[in-house]
Amino acid sequence: MKINELLGDLSIWTTNEESKLLKQLNTPTKLSHFNEHDQIKINNMIRKSLVKKIGFNDPTVVINEKL
């Protein structure tokens, strides 16, 4: 038996605030356009692999396509 069969549907847990931000990120958006609180939430979502950060100076964030 494979691990995927045992676990079933494996999903990443998100808070209500993160879900709201994910809905706003339907298009690539500069990280600087968000307030400081939202930037912290987005950085947490980057660590969870829910969002990708593209670039170094004034990075752009987009939703990870594997969701």
N, C-alpha and C. Protein backbone atom coordinates (compact mmCIF):
# COMPACT_ATOMS: atom_id res chain seq x y z
N MET A 1 0.85 -1.18 0.00
CA MET A 1 0.00 0.00 0.00
C MET A 1 0.89 1.24 0.00
N LYS A 2 0.53 2.22 -0.81
CA LYS A 2 1.32 3.44 -0.91
C LYS A 2 0.91 4.44 0.16
N ILE A 3 1.82 5.31 0.51
CA ILE A 3 1.55 6.32 1.53
C ILE A 3 0.41 7.24 1.10
N ASN A 4 0.38 7.61 -0.18
CA ASN A 4 -0.69 8.48 -0.68
C ASN A 4 -2.06 7.85 -0.49
N GLU A 5 -2.15 6.53 -0.63
CA GLU A 5 -3.42 5.85 -0.43
C GLU A 5 -3.84 5.89 1.04
N LEU A 6 -2.88 5.81 1.93
CA LEU A 6 -3.18 5.86 3.37
C LEU A 6 -3.62 7.26 3.81
N LEU A 7 -2.93 8.27 3.29
CA LEU A 7 -3.21 9.63 3.71
C LEU A 7 -4.46 10.21 3.05
N GLY A 8 -4.78 9.74 1.87
CA GLY A 8 -5.94 10.28 1.16
C GLY A 8 -5.62 11.66 0.60
N ASP A 9 -6.52 12.59 0.82
CA ASP A 9 -6.34 13.95 0.32
C ASP A 9 -5.45 14.73 1.27
N LEU A 10 -4.24 15.00 0.84
CA LEU A 10 -3.29 15.75 1.65
C LEU A 10 -3.35 17.21 1.24
N SER A 11 -3.73 18.08 2.15
CA SER A 11 -3.83 19.51 1.83
C SER A 11 -3.05 20.32 2.86
N ILE A 12 -2.69 21.52 2.47
CA ILE A 12 -1.95 22.42 3.35
C ILE A 12 -2.95 23.30 4.08
N TRP A 13 -2.82 23.35 5.40
CA TRP A 13 -3.74 24.11 6.22
C TRP A 13 -3.46 25.60 6.04
N THR A 14 -4.53 26.41 5.87
CA THR A 14 -4.40 27.86 5.74
C THR A 14 -5.37 28.53 6.69
N THR A 15 -4.99 29.71 7.15
CA THR A 15 -5.89 30.49 8.00
C THR A 15 -6.89 31.23 7.12
N ASN A 16 -7.89 31.84 7.74
CA ASN A 16 -8.86 32.61 6.99
C ASN A 16 -8.21 33.80 6.28
N GLU A 17 -7.25 34.44 6.95
CA GLU A 17 -6.55 35.58 6.35
C GLU A 17 -5.72 35.14 5.15
N GLU A 18 -5.07 33.97 5.25
CA GLU A 18 -4.29 33.47 4.13
C GLU A 18 -5.19 33.12 2.95
N SER A 19 -6.34 32.54 3.21
CA SER A 19 -7.29 32.21 2.14
C SER A 19 -7.77 33.47 1.43
N LYS A 20 -8.01 34.52 2.21
CA LYS A 20 -8.44 35.80 1.63
C LYS A 20 -7.34 36.38 0.74
N LEU A 21 -6.09 36.31 1.19
CA LEU A 21 -4.97 36.82 0.40
C LEU A 21 -4.76 35.99 -0.86
N LEU A 22 -4.95 34.68 -0.77
CA LEU A 22 -4.79 33.82 -1.95
C LEU A 22 -5.80 34.20 -3.04
N LYS A 23 -7.00 34.58 -2.63
CA LYS A 23 -8.01 35.01 -3.61
C LYS A 23 -7.60 36.32 -4.28
N GLN A 24 -6.88 37.19 -3.57
CA GLN A 24 -6.42 38.46 -4.13
C GLN A 24 -5.25 38.27 -5.08
N LEU A 25 -4.54 37.17 -4.97
CA LEU A 25 -3.33 36.94 -5.76
C LEU A 25 -3.61 36.18 -7.05
N ASN A 26 -4.73 36.47 -7.70
CA ASN A 26 -5.03 35.77 -8.95
C ASN A 26 -4.18 36.29 -10.10
N THR A 27 -3.55 37.44 -9.94
CA THR A 27 -2.60 37.96 -10.93
C THR A 27 -1.28 38.26 -10.21
N PRO A 28 -0.14 38.22 -10.91
CA PRO A 28 1.13 38.58 -10.27
C PRO A 28 1.08 40.00 -9.70
N THR A 29 1.49 40.15 -8.45
CA THR A 29 1.41 41.42 -7.74
C THR A 29 2.73 41.67 -7.03
N LYS A 30 3.18 42.91 -7.04
CA LYS A 30 4.40 43.29 -6.32
C LYS A 30 4.16 43.17 -4.82
N LEU A 31 5.14 42.64 -4.11
CA LEU A 31 5.03 42.47 -2.67
C LEU A 31 4.91 43.81 -1.96
N SER A 32 5.51 44.85 -2.52
CA SER A 32 5.48 46.18 -1.90
C SER A 32 4.08 46.82 -1.93
N HIS A 33 3.17 46.29 -2.74
CA HIS A 33 1.82 46.84 -2.81
C HIS A 33 0.96 46.43 -1.62
N PHE A 34 1.42 45.49 -0.82
CA PHE A 34 0.68 45.03 0.34
C PHE A 34 1.18 45.75 1.59
N ASN A 35 0.31 45.87 2.59
CA ASN A 35 0.74 46.48 3.85
C ASN A 35 1.63 45.49 4.61
N GLU A 36 2.24 45.94 5.69
CA GLU A 36 3.23 45.14 6.40
C GLU A 36 2.64 43.84 6.96
N HIS A 37 1.43 43.92 7.49
CA HIS A 37 0.77 42.73 8.04
C HIS A 37 0.55 41.68 6.94
N ASP A 38 0.08 42.11 5.78
CA ASP A 38 -0.16 41.19 4.67
C ASP A 38 1.15 40.63 4.13
N GLN A 39 2.22 41.43 4.16
CA GLN A 39 3.52 40.95 3.70
C GLN A 39 4.02 39.81 4.59
N ILE A 40 3.78 39.91 5.89
CA ILE A 40 4.17 38.83 6.80
C ILE A 40 3.38 37.57 6.49
N LYS A 41 2.09 37.72 6.25
CA LYS A 41 1.24 36.57 5.90
C LYS A 41 1.71 35.94 4.58
N ILE A 42 2.05 36.77 3.61
CA ILE A 42 2.52 36.26 2.32
C ILE A 42 3.85 35.54 2.47
N ASN A 43 4.75 36.07 3.31
CA ASN A 43 6.02 35.39 3.56
C ASN A 43 5.80 34.02 4.22
N ASN A 44 4.80 33.91 5.10
CA ASN A 44 4.45 32.63 5.69
C ASN A 44 3.92 31.67 4.62
N MET A 45 3.14 32.19 3.68
CA MET A 45 2.61 31.35 2.61
C MET A 45 3.71 30.91 1.65
N ILE A 46 4.76 31.74 1.50
CA ILE A 46 5.91 31.36 0.69
C ILE A 46 6.60 30.16 1.33
N ARG A 47 6.73 30.18 2.66
CA ARG A 47 7.35 29.06 3.38
C ARG A 47 6.51 27.78 3.27
N LYS A 48 5.19 27.93 3.16
CA LYS A 48 4.30 26.78 3.01
C LYS A 48 4.19 26.32 1.55
N SER A 49 4.87 27.00 0.64
CA SER A 49 4.83 26.73 -0.81
C SER A 49 3.46 26.95 -1.41
N LEU A 50 2.68 27.86 -0.84
CA LEU A 50 1.40 28.24 -1.43
C LEU A 50 1.58 29.35 -2.45
N VAL A 51 2.65 30.14 -2.28
CA VAL A 51 2.92 31.31 -3.12
C VAL A 51 4.38 31.26 -3.55
N LYS A 52 4.66 31.73 -4.76
CA LYS A 52 6.04 31.84 -5.24
C LYS A 52 6.46 33.30 -5.26
N LYS A 53 7.70 33.55 -4.88
CA LYS A 53 8.27 34.90 -4.95
C LYS A 53 9.24 34.93 -6.11
N ILE A 54 9.07 35.89 -7.01
CA ILE A 54 9.90 36.00 -8.20
C ILE A 54 10.66 37.32 -8.14
N GLY A 55 11.98 37.25 -8.16
CA GLY A 55 12.81 38.44 -8.15
C GLY A 55 13.40 38.73 -6.78
N PHE A 56 14.38 39.63 -6.77
CA PHE A 56 15.06 40.00 -5.53
C PHE A 56 14.73 41.42 -5.12
N ASN A 57 14.87 42.39 -6.02
CA ASN A 57 14.54 43.78 -5.71
C ASN A 57 13.08 44.01 -6.07
N ASP A 58 12.28 44.35 -5.07
CA ASP A 58 10.84 44.54 -5.23
C ASP A 58 10.22 43.31 -5.90
N PRO A 59 10.23 42.16 -5.18
CA PRO A 59 9.78 40.90 -5.78
C PRO A 59 8.28 40.88 -6.09
N THR A 60 7.93 40.03 -7.03
CA THR A 60 6.55 39.79 -7.41
C THR A 60 6.12 38.46 -6.80
N VAL A 61 4.88 38.37 -6.33
CA VAL A 61 4.37 37.13 -5.77
C VAL A 61 3.21 36.61 -6.63
N VAL A 62 3.18 35.30 -6.84
CA VAL A 62 2.11 34.66 -7.60
C VAL A 62 1.73 33.36 -6.87
N ILE A 63 0.52 32.88 -7.13
CA ILE A 63 0.05 31.64 -6.53
C ILE A 63 0.82 30.47 -7.14
N ASN A 64 1.16 29.50 -6.30
CA ASN A 64 1.82 28.29 -6.78
C ASN A 64 0.82 27.50 -7.61
N GLU A 65 1.22 27.04 -8.77
CA GLU A 65 0.32 26.36 -9.70
C GLU A 65 -0.09 24.96 -9.25
N LYS A 66 0.59 24.40 -8.27
CA LYS A 66 0.29 23.04 -7.83
C LYS A 66 -0.90 22.95 -6.88
N LEU A 67 -1.56 24.06 -6.57
CA LEU A 67 -2.68 24.03 -5.63
C LEU A 67 -3.90 23.39 -6.24
